[in-house]
Amino acid sequence: MPRTPKHKELENTRLANAYGGWVYCEGCSKTIGYLCYVTYDIFRLQYQCKCGNHGSVDISFEDDTAETAEQSLVTLKNRLCCPVDETPLVTILKKNLDAYKYEIVCRDCNTKYQEEQGL
């Protein structure tokens, strides 16, 4: 059964599908990431694309009650995955971005992971 986000806001950004798939910059139409469909409860991204465009994604299915993790996501086959069970969550294509900041909550373990580069 498809999930329905409680909140969804995109700024200068386009998603391939309703709440997942490829993430595109609307300034240059380049791919900036890939968001897995069913493995997250909250995803927030702010970025500056190499083309100069500033954009953001804010999608949530649940209220933000997650504890922030001490550890980082692990990278498996270019996907950032939950370190608890290796569930794939998101891919950030750093080569197309000058700066970014994200937070994502794993649906399975209800843990929040964050990273920031250059913002």
C-alpha atoms as a PDB file:
ATOM      1  CA  MET A   1       0.000   0.000   0.000  1.00  0.00           C
ATOM      2  CA  PRO A   2       1.432   3.409  -0.961  1.00  0.00           C
ATOM      3  CA  ARG A   3       2.382   5.786   1.807  1.00  0.00           C
ATOM      4  CA  THR A   4       1.105   9.349   1.940  1.00  0.00           C
ATOM      5  CA  PRO A   5       3.477  12.036   3.231  1.00  0.00           C
ATOM      6  CA  LYS A   6       2.233  14.279   6.062  1.00  0.00           C
ATOM      7  CA  HIS A   7       4.414  17.059   4.653  1.00  0.00           C
ATOM      8  CA  LYS A   8       6.084  17.518   1.287  1.00  0.00           C
ATOM      9  CA  GLU A   9       7.838  20.657   0.115  1.00  0.00           C
ATOM     10  CA  LEU A  10      10.259  20.948  -2.799  1.00  0.00           C
ATOM     11  CA  GLU A  11      12.140  24.111  -3.695  1.00  0.00           C
ATOM     12  CA  ASN A  12      13.925  24.327  -7.060  1.00  0.00           C
ATOM     13  CA  THR A  13      13.996  20.530  -7.013  1.00  0.00           C
ATOM     14  CA  ARG A  14      12.143  17.770  -8.830  1.00  0.00           C
ATOM     15  CA  LEU A  15      11.603  14.131  -7.852  1.00  0.00           C
ATOM     16  CA  ALA A  16      11.183  11.309 -10.358  1.00  0.00           C
ATOM     17  CA  ASN A  17       8.163  10.047  -8.404  1.00  0.00           C
ATOM     18  CA  ALA A  18       5.869  11.243  -5.620  1.00  0.00           C
ATOM     19  CA  TYR A  19       8.292  10.751  -2.731  1.00  0.00           C
ATOM     20  CA  GLY A  20      11.351   8.951  -4.016  1.00  0.00           C
ATOM     21  CA  GLY A  21      13.523   7.981  -6.922  1.00  0.00           C
ATOM     22  CA  TRP A  22      15.944  10.277  -8.677  1.00  0.00           C
ATOM     23  CA  VAL A  23      16.286  13.821  -7.322  1.00  0.00           C
ATOM     24  CA  TYR A  24      16.959  16.574  -9.887  1.00  0.00           C
ATOM     25  CA  CYS A  25      18.073  20.198  -9.698  1.00  0.00           C
ATOM     26  CA  GLU A  26      15.539  22.367 -11.540  1.00  0.00           C
ATOM     27  CA  GLY A  27      18.257  24.863 -12.453  1.00  0.00           C
ATOM     28  CA  CYS A  28      20.230  22.513 -14.712  1.00  0.00           C
ATOM     29  CA  SER A  29      18.171  19.258 -14.648  1.00  0.00           C
ATOM     30  CA  LYS A  30      21.178  17.275 -13.414  1.00  0.00           C
ATOM     31  CA  THR A  31      20.709  14.419 -11.001  1.00  0.00           C
ATOM     32  CA  ILE A  32      21.768  15.328  -7.473  1.00  0.00           C
ATOM     33  CA  GLY A  33      20.743  12.129  -5.696  1.00  0.00           C
ATOM     34  CA  TYR A  34      18.499   9.138  -5.321  1.00  0.00           C
ATOM     35  CA  LEU A  35      15.970   8.767  -2.501  1.00  0.00           C
ATOM     36  CA  CYS A  36      14.839   5.232  -1.655  1.00  0.00           C
ATOM     37  CA  TYR A  37      11.035   4.988  -1.563  1.00  0.00           C
ATOM     38  CA  VAL A  38      10.022   3.048   1.513  1.00  0.00           C
ATOM     39  CA  THR A  39      13.007   3.055   3.866  1.00  0.00           C
ATOM     40  CA  TYR A  40      12.777   6.553   5.356  1.00  0.00           C
ATOM     41  CA  ASP A  41      10.250   8.435   7.499  1.00  0.00           C
ATOM     42  CA  ILE A  42      11.776  11.925   7.187  1.00  0.00           C
ATOM     43  CA  PHE A  43      14.132  13.394   4.597  1.00  0.00           C
ATOM     44  CA  ARG A  44      15.366  16.987   4.571  1.00  0.00           C
ATOM     45  CA  LEU A  45      17.965  18.244   2.121  1.00  0.00           C
ATOM     46  CA  GLN A  46      19.325  21.714   1.440  1.00  0.00           C
ATOM     47  CA  TYR A  47      21.854  22.089  -1.348  1.00  0.00           C
ATOM     48  CA  GLN A  48      23.733  24.339  -3.711  1.00  0.00           C
ATOM     49  CA  CYS A  49      24.148  22.760  -7.136  1.00  0.00           C
ATOM     50  CA  LYS A  50      27.264  23.265  -9.270  1.00  0.00           C
ATOM     51  CA  CYS A  51      25.035  25.382 -11.566  1.00  0.00           C
ATOM     52  CA  GLY A  52      24.486  27.866  -8.698  1.00  0.00           C
ATOM     53  CA  ASN A  53      20.882  26.847  -7.982  1.00  0.00           C
ATOM     54  CA  HIS A  54      19.866  26.570  -4.322  1.00  0.00           C
ATOM     55  CA  GLY A  55      17.198  24.008  -3.572  1.00  0.00           C
ATOM     56  CA  SER A  56      15.634  21.884  -0.880  1.00  0.00           C
ATOM     57  CA  VAL A  57      13.542  18.803  -0.183  1.00  0.00           C
ATOM     58  CA  ASP A  58      11.436  18.331   2.949  1.00  0.00           C
ATOM     59  CA  ILE A  59       9.330  15.166   3.101  1.00  0.00           C
ATOM     60  CA  SER A  60       7.961  13.540   6.241  1.00  0.00           C
ATOM     61  CA  PHE A  61       5.652  10.608   6.838  1.00  0.00           C
ATOM     62  CA  GLU A  62       5.922  10.696  10.637  1.00  0.00           C
ATOM     63  CA  ASP A  63       6.500  13.282  13.353  1.00  0.00           C
ATOM     64  CA  ASP A  64      10.147  13.909  14.189  1.00  0.00           C
ATOM     65  CA  THR A  65      10.703  11.931  17.393  1.00  0.00           C
ATOM     66  CA  ALA A  66      13.900  10.137  16.335  1.00  0.00           C
ATOM     67  CA  GLU A  67      17.121  10.243  18.308  1.00  0.00           C
ATOM     68  CA  THR A  68      20.171  11.540  16.417  1.00  0.00           C
ATOM     69  CA  ALA A  69      22.771   8.838  15.809  1.00  0.00           C
ATOM     70  CA  GLU A  70      26.338   9.109  17.032  1.00  0.00           C
ATOM     71  CA  GLN A  71      27.604   7.187  14.001  1.00  0.00           C
ATOM     72  CA  SER A  72      27.295   8.018  10.304  1.00  0.00           C
ATOM     73  CA  LEU A  73      25.510   6.166   7.567  1.00  0.00           C
ATOM     74  CA  VAL A  74      27.558   3.463   5.859  1.00  0.00           C
ATOM     75  CA  THR A  75      28.195   3.479   2.112  1.00  0.00           C
ATOM     76  CA  LEU A  76      27.330   0.302   0.231  1.00  0.00           C
ATOM     77  CA  LYS A  77      27.367   0.328  -3.590  1.00  0.00           C
ATOM     78  CA  ASN A  78      27.128   4.180  -3.652  1.00  0.00           C
ATOM     79  CA  ARG A  79      24.051   4.192  -1.355  1.00  0.00           C
ATOM     80  CA  LEU A  80      24.093   5.647   2.144  1.00  0.00           C
ATOM     81  CA  CYS A  81      22.662   2.911   4.336  1.00  0.00           C
ATOM     82  CA  CYS A  82      21.546   2.503   7.937  1.00  0.00           C
ATOM     83  CA  PRO A  83      24.475   1.105   9.974  1.00  0.00           C
ATOM     84  CA  VAL A  84      22.076  -1.013  12.062  1.00  0.00           C
ATOM     85  CA  ASP A  85      20.722  -3.260   9.285  1.00  0.00           C
ATOM     86  CA  GLU A  86      22.291  -1.838   6.071  1.00  0.00           C
ATOM     87  CA  THR A  87      18.914  -0.632   4.729  1.00  0.00           C
ATOM     88  CA  PRO A  88      19.607   1.657   1.731  1.00  0.00           C
ATOM     89  CA  LEU A  89      18.292   5.183   2.373  1.00  0.00           C
ATOM     90  CA  VAL A  90      19.712   7.789   0.000  1.00  0.00           C
ATOM     91  CA  THR A  91      22.456   8.576  -2.510  1.00  0.00           C
ATOM     92  CA  ILE A  92      23.933  12.082  -2.633  1.00  0.00           C
ATOM     93  CA  LEU A  93      25.813  12.828  -5.867  1.00  0.00           C
ATOM     94  CA  LYS A  94      28.497  15.058  -4.381  1.00  0.00           C
ATOM     95  CA  LYS A  95      30.137  15.592  -7.789  1.00  0.00           C
ATOM     96  CA  ASN A  96      27.108  17.683  -8.854  1.00  0.00           C
ATOM     97  CA  LEU A  97      26.893  19.732  -5.650  1.00  0.00           C
ATOM     98  CA  ASP A  98      28.978  22.559  -4.209  1.00  0.00           C
ATOM     99  CA  ALA A  99      27.390  22.186  -0.768  1.00  0.00           C
ATOM    100  CA  TYR A 100      24.664  20.195   0.956  1.00  0.00           C
ATOM    101  CA  LYS A 101      23.105  19.369   4.284  1.00  0.00           C
ATOM    102  CA  TYR A 102      20.734  16.490   4.912  1.00  0.00           C
ATOM    103  CA  GLU A 103      18.978  14.641   7.670  1.00  0.00           C
ATOM    104  CA  ILE A 104      17.179  11.366   7.185  1.00  0.00           C
ATOM    105  CA  VAL A 105      15.281   9.120   9.604  1.00  0.00           C
ATOM    106  CA  CYS A 106      15.434   5.386   9.013  1.00  0.00           C
ATOM    107  CA  ARG A 107      11.944   3.891   9.043  1.00  0.00           C
ATOM    108  CA  ASP A 108      13.097   0.585  10.555  1.00  0.00           C
ATOM    109  CA  CYS A 109      15.194   1.767  13.508  1.00  0.00           C
ATOM    110  CA  ASN A 110      13.749   5.322  13.925  1.00  0.00           C
ATOM    111  CA  THR A 111      17.221   6.863  14.057  1.00  0.00           C
ATOM    112  CA  LYS A 112      18.156  10.241  12.560  1.00  0.00           C
ATOM    113  CA  TYR A 113      21.337  10.596  10.521  1.00  0.00           C
ATOM    114  CA  GLN A 114      22.790  13.938   9.446  1.00  0.00           C
ATOM    115  CA  GLU A 115      25.645  15.239   7.296  1.00  0.00           C
ATOM    116  CA  GLU A 116      26.739  18.674   6.147  1.00  0.00           C
ATOM    117  CA  GLN A 117      29.325  19.660   3.535  1.00  0.00           C
ATOM    118  CA  GLY A 118      30.048  23.319   2.886  1.00  0.00           C
ATOM    119  CA  LEU A 119      26.773  25.007   3.934  1.00  0.00           C
END
